[in-house]
Amino acid sequence: MKIFPLTALQPWPLIEKFLKEQGNGSVGLDIGCGNGKYLAINRNVFIVGSDRSTNLVRIAKQHQSHDAVVADILDLPHPKATFDFAISIAVIHHLSTRERRVKAIRSILELLKRDGKALLYVWALEQASSRRGWDEGDEQDVMVPWVTRSKSSAKADSEIISSNSNQAEKTFQRYYHLYRKGELEEDVENAEGKVLENGYEKDNWWAIVTSR
């Protein structure tokens, strides 16, 4: 059984570049923001993060002057056509049907202004060179064990699912849909969006998208 510990993460270059390219005073979204690690990359924009985890949102709120709310990607509480940009990193692949994944992308696109852009990241099926070893021909819908550690065994970790640092090590099963090459672009098209740029980075497929 493959078990992957949660480790400290630095902002990936492409995500950092996308955020820093946004104009001064722009207002954006980080949908599925987790602990808010991307919120403060560009101090000249304002970002509203959202996540289903109340504990993670509580942490994300500490990244002033940005804010965060508890919300589901399929039922976001924001007004449509309001935001200059959005990011959704490693979120959409947790939705269990293609219909729900397309709906999630559509919900992001609907929040953008006419010229707004969103950066999406999803886990790739093609990971033959990674420690996970998935590749073409493997099952795309998988349960991935993730380990959370006690405070004493995770001094280097910045992300811990449980807020109770005194707990012993635990394993949680998380659902992933592993995207094959071209599938993210198909989902964007089905969500009435348009792909502006796309590529592969660190075992993920990514795309910068906008509304048609």
N, C-alpha and C. Protein backbone atom coordinates (compact mmCIF):
# COMPACT_ATOMS: atom_id res chain seq x y z
N MET A 1 0.84 -1.20 0.00
CA MET A 1 0.00 0.00 0.00
C MET A 1 0.87 1.25 0.00
N LYS A 2 0.60 2.18 -0.89
CA LYS A 2 1.38 3.42 -0.96
C LYS A 2 0.88 4.40 0.09
N ILE A 3 1.79 4.90 0.92
CA ILE A 3 1.43 5.87 1.94
C ILE A 3 2.34 7.08 1.78
N PHE A 4 1.73 8.27 1.69
CA PHE A 4 2.50 9.48 1.43
C PHE A 4 2.35 10.45 2.58
N PRO A 5 3.43 10.75 3.32
CA PRO A 5 3.34 11.72 4.41
C PRO A 5 3.14 13.11 3.87
N LEU A 6 2.45 13.95 4.66
CA LEU A 6 2.29 15.35 4.31
C LEU A 6 3.58 16.07 4.63
N THR A 7 4.16 16.76 3.67
CA THR A 7 5.43 17.44 3.86
C THR A 7 5.29 18.92 3.61
N ALA A 8 6.26 19.68 4.08
CA ALA A 8 6.25 21.13 3.90
C ALA A 8 6.33 21.45 2.42
N LEU A 9 5.59 22.44 1.99
CA LEU A 9 5.55 22.81 0.59
C LEU A 9 5.95 24.25 0.40
N GLN A 10 6.80 24.50 -0.60
CA GLN A 10 7.10 25.84 -1.05
C GLN A 10 6.20 26.13 -2.25
N PRO A 11 5.87 27.39 -2.48
CA PRO A 11 5.04 27.71 -3.65
C PRO A 11 5.70 27.23 -4.94
N TRP A 12 4.95 26.54 -5.77
CA TRP A 12 5.50 26.10 -7.03
C TRP A 12 5.71 27.31 -7.93
N PRO A 13 6.78 27.29 -8.75
CA PRO A 13 7.13 28.48 -9.55
C PRO A 13 6.00 29.00 -10.43
N LEU A 14 5.27 28.10 -11.09
CA LEU A 14 4.23 28.56 -12.01
C LEU A 14 3.08 29.23 -11.25
N ILE A 15 2.74 28.69 -10.08
CA ILE A 15 1.67 29.29 -9.27
C ILE A 15 2.12 30.66 -8.76
N GLU A 16 3.35 30.72 -8.29
CA GLU A 16 3.89 32.00 -7.82
C GLU A 16 3.92 33.03 -8.95
N LYS A 17 4.35 32.61 -10.12
CA LYS A 17 4.41 33.50 -11.28
C LYS A 17 3.02 34.01 -11.64
N PHE A 18 2.03 33.12 -11.68
CA PHE A 18 0.66 33.52 -12.01
C PHE A 18 0.15 34.57 -11.03
N LEU A 19 0.36 34.35 -9.75
CA LEU A 19 -0.14 35.29 -8.74
C LEU A 19 0.58 36.64 -8.83
N LYS A 20 1.88 36.61 -9.07
CA LYS A 20 2.64 37.86 -9.12
C LYS A 20 2.38 38.64 -10.40
N GLU A 21 1.81 37.99 -11.41
CA GLU A 21 1.46 38.69 -12.66
C GLU A 21 0.17 39.48 -12.54
N GLN A 22 -0.60 39.25 -11.50
CA GLN A 22 -1.87 39.95 -11.35
C GLN A 22 -1.63 41.42 -11.01
N GLY A 23 -2.43 42.29 -11.59
CA GLY A 23 -2.23 43.73 -11.42
C GLY A 23 -2.48 44.20 -10.00
N ASN A 24 -1.82 45.28 -9.63
CA ASN A 24 -2.02 45.86 -8.31
C ASN A 24 -3.49 46.19 -8.09
N GLY A 25 -4.01 45.82 -6.94
CA GLY A 25 -5.41 46.08 -6.62
C GLY A 25 -6.37 45.04 -7.13
N SER A 26 -5.87 44.00 -7.81
CA SER A 26 -6.75 42.94 -8.30
C SER A 26 -7.33 42.15 -7.13
N VAL A 27 -8.51 41.60 -7.37
CA VAL A 27 -9.19 40.80 -6.35
C VAL A 27 -9.39 39.40 -6.90
N GLY A 28 -8.94 38.39 -6.15
CA GLY A 28 -9.00 37.03 -6.65
C GLY A 28 -9.48 36.04 -5.61
N LEU A 29 -9.52 34.78 -6.03
CA LEU A 29 -9.99 33.68 -5.19
C LEU A 29 -8.95 32.58 -5.15
N ASP A 30 -8.82 31.93 -3.99
CA ASP A 30 -8.07 30.70 -3.86
C ASP A 30 -9.06 29.65 -3.38
N ILE A 31 -9.55 28.84 -4.30
CA ILE A 31 -10.63 27.90 -4.02
C ILE A 31 -10.02 26.56 -3.63
N GLY A 32 -10.26 26.19 -2.37
CA GLY A 32 -9.56 25.06 -1.80
C GLY A 32 -8.22 25.49 -1.25
N CYS A 33 -8.22 26.57 -0.48
CA CYS A 33 -6.99 27.25 -0.08
C CYS A 33 -6.19 26.51 0.98
N GLY A 34 -6.78 25.51 1.63
CA GLY A 34 -6.05 24.83 2.69
C GLY A 34 -5.64 25.79 3.78
N ASN A 35 -4.36 25.73 4.16
CA ASN A 35 -3.89 26.62 5.23
C ASN A 35 -3.54 28.02 4.75
N GLY A 36 -3.82 28.32 3.48
CA GLY A 36 -3.62 29.67 2.97
C GLY A 36 -2.21 29.98 2.52
N LYS A 37 -1.44 28.95 2.18
CA LYS A 37 -0.03 29.16 1.85
C LYS A 37 0.20 30.03 0.61
N TYR A 38 -0.82 30.16 -0.25
CA TYR A 38 -0.65 30.99 -1.44
C TYR A 38 -1.20 32.41 -1.28
N LEU A 39 -1.89 32.69 -0.18
CA LEU A 39 -2.60 33.96 -0.06
C LEU A 39 -1.68 35.17 -0.06
N ALA A 40 -0.53 35.05 0.56
CA ALA A 40 0.33 36.22 0.77
C ALA A 40 1.48 36.33 -0.22
N ILE A 41 1.44 35.57 -1.31
CA ILE A 41 2.54 35.61 -2.27
C ILE A 41 2.66 36.98 -2.93
N ASN A 42 1.52 37.58 -3.28
CA ASN A 42 1.51 38.91 -3.90
C ASN A 42 0.79 39.87 -2.95
N ARG A 43 1.55 40.73 -2.30
CA ARG A 43 0.98 41.65 -1.31
C ARG A 43 0.17 42.77 -1.95
N ASN A 44 0.20 42.87 -3.28
CA ASN A 44 -0.49 43.96 -3.97
C ASN A 44 -1.86 43.57 -4.49
N VAL A 45 -2.32 42.36 -4.14
CA VAL A 45 -3.66 41.93 -4.52
C VAL A 45 -4.40 41.49 -3.27
N PHE A 46 -5.71 41.35 -3.39
CA PHE A 46 -6.51 40.84 -2.27
C PHE A 46 -7.13 39.52 -2.70
N ILE A 47 -6.98 38.50 -1.87
CA ILE A 47 -7.48 37.17 -2.20
C ILE A 47 -8.43 36.70 -1.11
N VAL A 48 -9.56 36.14 -1.54
CA VAL A 48 -10.48 35.47 -0.64
C VAL A 48 -10.28 33.97 -0.82
N GLY A 49 -9.81 33.31 0.21
CA GLY A 49 -9.65 31.87 0.16
C GLY A 49 -10.92 31.18 0.61
N SER A 50 -11.07 29.92 0.23
CA SER A 50 -12.19 29.12 0.72
C SER A 50 -11.75 27.68 0.82
N ASP A 51 -12.33 26.98 1.79
CA ASP A 51 -12.02 25.58 1.99
C ASP A 51 -13.17 24.96 2.79
N ARG A 52 -13.34 23.65 2.66
CA ARG A 52 -14.39 22.96 3.42
C ARG A 52 -13.98 22.72 4.88
N SER A 53 -12.70 22.81 5.16
CA SER A 53 -12.21 22.54 6.50
C SER A 53 -12.23 23.81 7.36
N THR A 54 -13.01 23.78 8.42
CA THR A 54 -13.08 24.92 9.33
C THR A 54 -11.72 25.19 9.97
N ASN A 55 -11.01 24.13 10.35
CA ASN A 55 -9.71 24.31 10.99
C ASN A 55 -8.70 24.94 10.05
N LEU A 56 -8.67 24.50 8.78
CA LEU A 56 -7.74 25.09 7.83
C LEU A 56 -8.09 26.54 7.52
N VAL A 57 -9.36 26.84 7.42
CA VAL A 57 -9.78 28.23 7.19
C VAL A 57 -9.35 29.12 8.35
N ARG A 58 -9.43 28.59 9.55
CA ARG A 58 -9.00 29.36 10.73
C ARG A 58 -7.51 29.72 10.61
N ILE A 59 -6.71 28.80 10.10
CA ILE A 59 -5.29 29.08 9.88
C ILE A 59 -5.10 30.08 8.74
N ALA A 60 -5.84 29.86 7.64
CA ALA A 60 -5.70 30.73 6.47
C ALA A 60 -6.04 32.19 6.79
N LYS A 61 -6.98 32.39 7.70
CA LYS A 61 -7.39 33.75 8.06
C LYS A 61 -6.25 34.55 8.69
N GLN A 62 -5.22 33.89 9.13
CA GLN A 62 -4.10 34.59 9.74
C GLN A 62 -3.23 35.31 8.72
N HIS A 63 -3.44 35.01 7.44
CA HIS A 63 -2.66 35.66 6.38
C HIS A 63 -3.29 37.01 6.03
N GLN A 64 -3.13 37.96 6.89
CA GLN A 64 -3.68 39.29 6.66
C GLN A 64 -2.89 39.99 5.55
N SER A 65 -3.52 40.82 4.78
CA SER A 65 -4.89 41.33 4.91
C SER A 65 -5.92 40.52 4.13
N HIS A 66 -5.55 39.33 3.74
CA HIS A 66 -6.46 38.48 2.98
C HIS A 66 -7.49 37.85 3.92
N ASP A 67 -8.45 37.14 3.34
CA ASP A 67 -9.49 36.54 4.16
C ASP A 67 -9.79 35.14 3.64
N ALA A 68 -10.56 34.39 4.40
CA ALA A 68 -10.94 33.03 4.00
C ALA A 68 -12.29 32.69 4.60
N VAL A 69 -13.04 31.85 3.88
CA VAL A 69 -14.36 31.44 4.33
C VAL A 69 -14.51 29.94 4.17
N VAL A 70 -15.39 29.34 4.94
CA VAL A 70 -15.72 27.92 4.79
C VAL A 70 -16.74 27.80 3.66
N ALA A 71 -16.39 27.04 2.62
CA ALA A 71 -17.30 26.91 1.48
C ALA A 71 -16.92 25.69 0.66
N ASP A 72 -17.90 25.17 -0.07
CA ASP A 72 -17.72 24.02 -0.96
C ASP A 72 -17.56 24.54 -2.38
N ILE A 73 -16.66 23.94 -3.13
CA ILE A 73 -16.40 24.39 -4.50
C ILE A 73 -17.64 24.30 -5.38
N LEU A 74 -18.58 23.42 -5.05
CA LEU A 74 -19.80 23.29 -5.84
C LEU A 74 -20.90 24.22 -5.38
N ASP A 75 -20.65 24.99 -4.33
CA ASP A 75 -21.67 25.91 -3.82
C ASP A 75 -20.97 27.15 -3.23
N LEU A 76 -20.22 27.83 -4.07
CA LEU A 76 -19.45 28.98 -3.62
C LEU A 76 -20.35 30.18 -3.37
N PRO A 77 -20.10 30.95 -2.31
CA PRO A 77 -21.02 32.01 -1.89
C PRO A 77 -20.72 33.38 -2.52
N HIS A 78 -19.88 33.42 -3.54
CA HIS A 78 -19.43 34.70 -4.09
C HIS A 78 -20.33 35.17 -5.25
N PRO A 79 -20.42 36.47 -5.46
CA PRO A 79 -21.19 36.99 -6.61
C PRO A 79 -20.50 36.67 -7.92
N LYS A 80 -21.27 36.39 -8.94
CA LYS A 80 -20.73 36.03 -10.25
C LYS A 80 -20.10 37.23 -10.95
N ALA A 81 -19.16 36.93 -11.84
CA ALA A 81 -18.50 37.93 -12.70
C ALA A 81 -17.90 39.08 -11.90
N THR A 82 -17.26 38.75 -10.79
CA THR A 82 -16.76 39.77 -9.86
C THR A 82 -15.24 39.78 -9.74
N PHE A 83 -14.58 38.65 -9.97
CA PHE A 83 -13.18 38.51 -9.59
C PHE A 83 -12.25 38.56 -10.81
N ASP A 84 -11.06 39.12 -10.56
CA ASP A 84 -10.07 39.28 -11.63
C ASP A 84 -9.34 37.99 -11.94
N PHE A 85 -9.19 37.15 -10.95
CA PHE A 85 -8.45 35.90 -11.16
C PHE A 85 -8.85 34.89 -10.09
N ALA A 86 -8.44 33.65 -10.31
CA ALA A 86 -8.69 32.59 -9.33
C ALA A 86 -7.63 31.51 -9.49
N ILE A 87 -7.36 30.83 -8.39
CA ILE A 87 -6.55 29.62 -8.45
C ILE A 87 -7.31 28.51 -7.74
N SER A 88 -7.13 27.29 -8.21
CA SER A 88 -7.68 26.12 -7.54
C SER A 88 -6.65 25.01 -7.71
N ILE A 89 -5.88 24.79 -6.66
CA ILE A 89 -4.72 23.91 -6.72
C ILE A 89 -5.03 22.60 -6.01
N ALA A 90 -5.01 21.51 -6.76
CA ALA A 90 -5.18 20.17 -6.20
C ALA A 90 -6.51 20.02 -5.46
N VAL A 91 -7.59 20.46 -6.10
CA VAL A 91 -8.92 20.40 -5.51
C VAL A 91 -9.88 19.59 -6.38
N ILE A 92 -9.95 19.94 -7.66
CA ILE A 92 -10.96 19.37 -8.55
C ILE A 92 -10.83 17.85 -8.64
N HIS A 93 -9.61 17.33 -8.53
CA HIS A 93 -9.43 15.87 -8.65
C HIS A 93 -10.02 15.10 -7.47
N HIS A 94 -10.46 15.78 -6.42
CA HIS A 94 -11.09 15.10 -5.29
C HIS A 94 -12.59 14.85 -5.51
N LEU A 95 -13.17 15.38 -6.57
CA LEU A 95 -14.59 15.19 -6.85
C LEU A 95 -14.79 13.88 -7.61
N SER A 96 -15.81 13.12 -7.23
CA SER A 96 -15.87 11.71 -7.57
C SER A 96 -16.51 11.37 -8.91
N THR A 97 -17.09 12.33 -9.62
CA THR A 97 -17.65 12.04 -10.94
C THR A 97 -17.23 13.15 -11.90
N ARG A 98 -17.25 12.82 -13.19
CA ARG A 98 -16.87 13.84 -14.17
C ARG A 98 -17.87 14.99 -14.17
N GLU A 99 -19.12 14.67 -13.97
CA GLU A 99 -20.15 15.71 -13.91
C GLU A 99 -19.83 16.72 -12.81
N ARG A 100 -19.42 16.24 -11.66
CA ARG A 100 -19.10 17.13 -10.55
C ARG A 100 -17.82 17.92 -10.83
N ARG A 101 -16.85 17.30 -11.49
CA ARG A 101 -15.61 18.01 -11.80
C ARG A 101 -15.85 19.13 -12.81
N VAL A 102 -16.67 18.85 -13.81
CA VAL A 102 -17.01 19.89 -14.79
C VAL A 102 -17.80 21.00 -14.11
N LYS A 103 -18.73 20.64 -13.24
CA LYS A 103 -19.52 21.64 -12.51
C LYS A 103 -18.61 22.53 -11.66
N ALA A 104 -17.58 21.94 -11.06
CA ALA A 104 -16.65 22.72 -10.24
C ALA A 104 -15.90 23.74 -11.10
N ILE A 105 -15.45 23.32 -12.26
CA ILE A 105 -14.75 24.25 -13.16
C ILE A 105 -15.69 25.36 -13.60
N ARG A 106 -16.93 25.00 -13.94
CA ARG A 106 -17.90 26.00 -14.36
C ARG A 106 -18.17 27.00 -13.23
N SER A 107 -18.23 26.51 -11.99
CA SER A 107 -18.49 27.41 -10.86
C SER A 107 -17.37 28.42 -10.68
N ILE A 108 -16.14 28.02 -11.00
CA ILE A 108 -15.00 28.95 -10.93
C ILE A 108 -15.10 29.98 -12.05
N LEU A 109 -15.35 29.51 -13.26
CA LEU A 109 -15.41 30.41 -14.42
C LEU A 109 -16.51 31.46 -14.26
N GLU A 110 -17.63 31.06 -13.67
CA GLU A 110 -18.75 31.99 -13.51
C GLU A 110 -18.43 33.15 -12.57
N LEU A 111 -17.44 32.99 -11.72
CA LEU A 111 -17.09 34.05 -10.77
C LEU A 111 -16.14 35.08 -11.35
N LEU A 112 -15.53 34.77 -12.50
CA LEU A 112 -14.55 35.65 -13.09
C LEU A 112 -15.19 36.76 -13.92
N LYS A 113 -14.52 37.91 -13.92
CA LYS A 113 -14.90 38.96 -14.87
C LYS A 113 -14.65 38.46 -16.29
N ARG A 114 -15.11 39.21 -17.25
CA ARG A 114 -15.06 38.75 -18.63
C ARG A 114 -13.64 38.40 -19.08
N ASP A 115 -12.65 39.17 -18.65
CA ASP A 115 -11.26 38.90 -19.03
C ASP A 115 -10.48 38.21 -17.92
N GLY A 116 -11.16 37.69 -16.91
CA GLY A 116 -10.50 37.04 -15.79
C GLY A 116 -9.94 35.68 -16.17
N LYS A 117 -8.91 35.26 -15.44
CA LYS A 117 -8.25 34.00 -15.69
C LYS A 117 -8.18 33.17 -14.42
N ALA A 118 -8.19 31.86 -14.60
CA ALA A 118 -8.05 30.94 -13.46
C ALA A 118 -6.95 29.94 -13.75
N LEU A 119 -6.19 29.61 -12.72
CA LEU A 119 -5.15 28.59 -12.83
C LEU A 119 -5.63 27.35 -12.08
N LEU A 120 -5.68 26.22 -12.78
CA LEU A 120 -6.16 24.96 -12.22
C LEU A 120 -5.03 23.94 -12.22
N TYR A 121 -4.93 23.18 -11.13
CA TYR A 121 -3.96 22.08 -11.03
C TYR A 121 -4.70 20.81 -10.62
N VAL A 122 -4.38 19.69 -11.27
CA VAL A 122 -4.95 18.38 -10.89
C VAL A 122 -3.85 17.33 -10.98
N TRP A 123 -3.96 16.29 -10.16
CA TRP A 123 -2.98 15.21 -10.23
C TRP A 123 -3.07 14.49 -11.57
N ALA A 124 -1.90 14.14 -12.10
CA ALA A 124 -1.82 13.44 -13.38
C ALA A 124 -1.79 11.93 -13.18
N LEU A 125 -2.35 11.21 -14.14
CA LEU A 125 -2.20 9.76 -14.18
C LEU A 125 -0.77 9.38 -14.54
N GLU A 126 -0.16 10.19 -15.39
CA GLU A 126 1.17 9.89 -15.91
C GLU A 126 2.24 10.34 -14.90
N GLN A 127 2.56 9.43 -13.97
CA GLN A 127 3.55 9.72 -12.93
C GLN A 127 4.59 8.60 -12.84
N ALA A 128 4.97 8.05 -13.97
CA ALA A 128 5.85 6.88 -13.97
C ALA A 128 7.18 7.15 -13.28
N SER A 129 7.65 8.38 -13.34
CA SER A 129 8.96 8.70 -12.77
C SER A 129 8.88 9.12 -11.30
N SER A 130 7.68 9.20 -10.74
CA SER A 130 7.53 9.64 -9.36
C SER A 130 7.54 8.44 -8.42
N ARG A 131 7.56 8.70 -7.12
CA ARG A 131 7.53 7.63 -6.13
C ARG A 131 6.20 6.89 -6.14
N ARG A 132 5.16 7.52 -6.70
CA ARG A 132 3.85 6.88 -6.75
C ARG A 132 3.78 5.83 -7.85
N GLY A 133 4.37 6.14 -9.00
CA GLY A 133 4.52 5.15 -10.05
C GLY A 133 3.32 4.91 -10.93
N TRP A 134 2.24 5.70 -10.79
CA TRP A 134 1.10 5.51 -11.68
C TRP A 134 1.49 5.89 -13.11
N ASP A 135 0.77 5.30 -14.07
CA ASP A 135 1.03 5.63 -15.47
C ASP A 135 -0.15 5.20 -16.32
N GLU A 136 -0.06 5.46 -17.61
CA GLU A 136 -1.11 5.10 -18.54
C GLU A 136 -1.48 3.63 -18.36
N GLY A 137 -2.78 3.35 -18.36
CA GLY A 137 -3.27 2.00 -18.18
C GLY A 137 -3.66 1.68 -16.76
N ASP A 138 -3.23 2.50 -15.80
CA ASP A 138 -3.61 2.29 -14.41
C ASP A 138 -5.01 2.85 -14.15
N GLU A 139 -5.60 2.43 -13.06
CA GLU A 139 -6.91 2.93 -12.63
C GLU A 139 -6.82 4.44 -12.36
N GLN A 140 -7.81 5.18 -12.85
CA GLN A 140 -7.80 6.63 -12.65
C GLN A 140 -8.45 7.06 -11.35
N ASP A 141 -9.32 6.25 -10.80
CA ASP A 141 -10.02 6.60 -9.56
C ASP A 141 -9.44 5.76 -8.42
N VAL A 142 -8.74 6.45 -7.51
CA VAL A 142 -7.98 5.74 -6.48
C VAL A 142 -8.22 6.36 -5.11
N MET A 143 -8.00 5.56 -4.08
CA MET A 143 -7.96 6.04 -2.71
C MET A 143 -6.50 6.09 -2.29
N VAL A 144 -6.05 7.26 -1.86
CA VAL A 144 -4.64 7.46 -1.52
C VAL A 144 -4.50 7.64 -0.01
N PRO A 145 -3.71 6.80 0.64
CA PRO A 145 -3.50 6.97 2.08
C PRO A 145 -2.59 8.17 2.35
N TRP A 146 -3.01 9.05 3.26
CA TRP A 146 -2.19 10.17 3.70
C TRP A 146 -1.97 10.05 5.20
N VAL A 147 -0.72 10.27 5.59
CA VAL A 147 -0.34 10.12 6.99
C VAL A 147 -0.27 11.49 7.66
N THR A 148 -0.89 11.61 8.83
CA THR A 148 -0.70 12.79 9.67
C THR A 148 0.17 12.39 10.84
N ARG A 149 1.01 13.30 11.30
CA ARG A 149 1.98 12.98 12.32
C ARG A 149 1.77 13.83 13.56
N SER A 150 2.24 13.32 14.67
CA SER A 150 2.22 14.09 15.90
C SER A 150 3.22 15.23 15.78
N LYS A 151 3.10 16.20 16.65
CA LYS A 151 3.98 17.37 16.62
C LYS A 151 5.44 16.97 16.72
N SER A 152 5.75 15.98 17.52
CA SER A 152 7.13 15.58 17.73
C SER A 152 7.76 14.94 16.51
N SER A 153 6.94 14.33 15.64
CA SER A 153 7.48 13.64 14.47
C SER A 153 7.29 14.43 13.20
N ALA A 154 6.78 15.66 13.30
CA ALA A 154 6.49 16.43 12.09
C ALA A 154 6.95 17.86 12.21
N LYS A 155 8.12 18.07 12.79
CA LYS A 155 8.61 19.43 12.98
C LYS A 155 8.81 20.15 11.65
N ALA A 156 9.10 19.39 10.60
CA ALA A 156 9.35 20.01 9.30
C ALA A 156 8.09 20.18 8.48
N ASP A 157 6.99 19.64 8.96
CA ASP A 157 5.75 19.68 8.18
C ASP A 157 4.97 20.94 8.49
N SER A 158 4.49 21.61 7.44
CA SER A 158 3.67 22.80 7.62
C SER A 158 2.20 22.52 7.43
N GLU A 159 1.86 21.33 6.91
CA GLU A 159 0.47 20.96 6.68
C GLU A 159 0.15 19.71 7.46
N ILE A 160 -0.78 19.80 8.38
CA ILE A 160 -1.24 18.63 9.12
C ILE A 160 -2.76 18.65 9.12
N ILE A 161 -3.38 17.57 8.67
CA ILE A 161 -4.83 17.55 8.55
C ILE A 161 -5.48 17.77 9.89
N SER A 162 -5.02 17.07 10.91
CA SER A 162 -5.63 17.19 12.23
C SER A 162 -5.10 18.40 12.96
N SER A 163 -5.97 19.09 13.68
CA SER A 163 -5.55 20.25 14.45
C SER A 163 -5.02 19.85 15.82
N ASN A 164 -5.14 18.57 16.18
CA ASN A 164 -4.68 18.09 17.48
C ASN A 164 -3.26 17.58 17.36
N SER A 165 -2.28 18.40 17.76
CA SER A 165 -0.87 18.06 17.57
C SER A 165 -0.40 16.97 18.51
N ASN A 166 -1.21 16.56 19.48
CA ASN A 166 -0.83 15.52 20.42
C ASN A 166 -1.21 14.12 19.95
N GLN A 167 -1.88 14.04 18.82
CA GLN A 167 -2.31 12.74 18.33
C GLN A 167 -1.10 11.94 17.83
N ALA A 168 -1.20 10.61 17.93
CA ALA A 168 -0.22 9.74 17.31
C ALA A 168 -0.43 9.75 15.80
N GLU A 169 0.49 9.16 15.08
CA GLU A 169 0.41 9.12 13.63
C GLU A 169 -0.88 8.41 13.19
N LYS A 170 -1.59 8.99 12.23
CA LYS A 170 -2.82 8.41 11.71
C LYS A 170 -2.79 8.42 10.19
N THR A 171 -3.53 7.49 9.61
CA THR A 171 -3.63 7.42 8.15
C THR A 171 -5.07 7.66 7.73
N PHE A 172 -5.26 8.55 6.74
CA PHE A 172 -6.58 8.87 6.21
C PHE A 172 -6.60 8.51 4.73
N GLN A 173 -7.70 7.94 4.27
CA GLN A 173 -7.88 7.61 2.86
C GLN A 173 -8.55 8.79 2.14
N ARG A 174 -7.94 9.27 1.07
CA ARG A 174 -8.50 10.39 0.31
C ARG A 174 -8.72 9.95 -1.13
N TYR A 175 -9.89 10.32 -1.67
CA TYR A 175 -10.21 9.97 -3.06
C TYR A 175 -9.51 10.93 -4.03
N TYR A 176 -8.95 10.36 -5.10
CA TYR A 176 -8.36 11.14 -6.19
C TYR A 176 -8.83 10.60 -7.53
N HIS A 177 -9.14 11.49 -8.44
CA HIS A 177 -9.28 11.11 -9.85
C HIS A 177 -8.01 11.56 -10.54
N LEU A 178 -7.26 10.60 -11.08
CA LEU A 178 -6.00 10.90 -11.75
C LEU A 178 -6.29 11.27 -13.21
N TYR A 179 -5.99 12.50 -13.56
CA TYR A 179 -6.31 13.01 -14.89
C TYR A 179 -5.31 12.49 -15.93
N ARG A 180 -5.83 11.91 -17.01
CA ARG A 180 -4.99 11.53 -18.13
C ARG A 180 -4.71 12.76 -18.99
N LYS A 181 -3.71 12.67 -19.84
CA LYS A 181 -3.34 13.76 -20.72
C LYS A 181 -4.54 14.20 -21.57
N GLY A 182 -4.83 15.49 -21.58
CA GLY A 182 -5.92 16.05 -22.38
C GLY A 182 -7.26 16.09 -21.68
N GLU A 183 -7.40 15.39 -20.57
CA GLU A 183 -8.71 15.30 -19.91
C GLU A 183 -9.10 16.60 -19.23
N LEU A 184 -8.15 17.31 -18.63
CA LEU A 184 -8.46 18.58 -18.00
C LEU A 184 -8.97 19.58 -19.04
N GLU A 185 -8.32 19.60 -20.19
CA GLU A 185 -8.76 20.50 -21.26
C GLU A 185 -10.18 20.15 -21.73
N GLU A 186 -10.49 18.87 -21.79
CA GLU A 186 -11.85 18.45 -22.16
C GLU A 186 -12.86 18.92 -21.14
N ASP A 187 -12.52 18.80 -19.87
CA ASP A 187 -13.44 19.24 -18.82
C ASP A 187 -13.66 20.74 -18.86
N VAL A 188 -12.60 21.49 -19.16
CA VAL A 188 -12.75 22.95 -19.28
C VAL A 188 -13.68 23.28 -20.43
N GLU A 189 -13.51 22.61 -21.56
CA GLU A 189 -14.39 22.85 -22.71
C GLU A 189 -15.83 22.51 -22.36
N ASN A 190 -16.05 21.41 -21.65
CA ASN A 190 -17.41 21.02 -21.26
C ASN A 190 -18.01 21.98 -20.25
N ALA A 191 -17.15 22.72 -19.54
CA ALA A 191 -17.62 23.72 -18.59
C ALA A 191 -17.79 25.09 -19.25
N GLU A 192 -17.72 25.12 -20.59
CA GLU A 192 -17.88 26.35 -21.37
C GLU A 192 -16.74 27.33 -21.10
N GLY A 193 -15.56 26.77 -20.91
CA GLY A 193 -14.37 27.58 -20.74
C GLY A 193 -13.42 27.41 -21.91
N LYS A 194 -12.34 28.18 -21.87
CA LYS A 194 -11.33 28.13 -22.93
C LYS A 194 -9.96 28.03 -22.28
N VAL A 195 -9.12 27.14 -22.79
CA VAL A 195 -7.77 26.96 -22.27
C VAL A 195 -6.83 27.93 -22.97
N LEU A 196 -6.15 28.75 -22.19
CA LEU A 196 -5.19 29.71 -22.72
C LEU A 196 -3.77 29.15 -22.73
N GLU A 197 -3.42 28.46 -21.67
CA GLU A 197 -2.12 27.81 -21.55
C GLU A 197 -2.31 26.51 -20.78
N ASN A 198 -1.44 25.55 -21.00
CA ASN A 198 -1.55 24.31 -20.26
C ASN A 198 -0.21 23.59 -20.28
N GLY A 199 -0.05 22.64 -19.35
CA GLY A 199 1.20 21.91 -19.30
C GLY A 199 1.22 20.89 -18.18
N TYR A 200 2.41 20.37 -17.92
CA TYR A 200 2.64 19.33 -16.92
C TYR A 200 3.74 19.80 -15.98
N GLU A 201 3.50 19.70 -14.68
CA GLU A 201 4.51 20.11 -13.70
C GLU A 201 4.36 19.28 -12.44
N LYS A 202 5.46 18.69 -11.98
CA LYS A 202 5.50 18.00 -10.70
C LYS A 202 4.34 17.00 -10.54
N ASP A 203 4.14 16.14 -11.53
CA ASP A 203 3.11 15.10 -11.50
C ASP A 203 1.69 15.65 -11.57
N ASN A 204 1.55 16.87 -12.03
CA ASN A 204 0.24 17.51 -12.18
C ASN A 204 0.05 18.02 -13.60
N TRP A 205 -1.21 17.96 -14.05
CA TRP A 205 -1.59 18.72 -15.24
C TRP A 205 -2.13 20.07 -14.77
N TRP A 206 -1.77 21.14 -15.48
CA TRP A 206 -2.27 22.46 -15.12
C TRP A 206 -2.80 23.16 -16.37
N ALA A 207 -3.67 24.13 -16.12
CA ALA A 207 -4.21 24.92 -17.23
C ALA A 207 -4.60 26.30 -16.71
N ILE A 208 -4.31 27.31 -17.51
CA ILE A 208 -4.82 28.66 -17.28
C ILE A 208 -6.02 28.82 -18.19
N VAL A 209 -7.16 29.15 -17.61
CA VAL A 209 -8.42 29.10 -18.37
C VAL A 209 -9.19 30.41 -18.19
N THR A 210 -10.12 30.61 -19.09
CA THR A 210 -11.02 31.75 -19.01
C THR A 210 -12.36 31.35 -19.58
N SER A 211 -13.35 32.20 -19.41
CA SER A 211 -14.68 31.92 -19.99
C SER A 211 -14.64 32.15 -21.49
N ARG A 212 -15.51 31.46 -22.20
CA ARG A 212 -15.59 31.66 -23.65
C ARG A 212 -16.18 33.03 -23.98
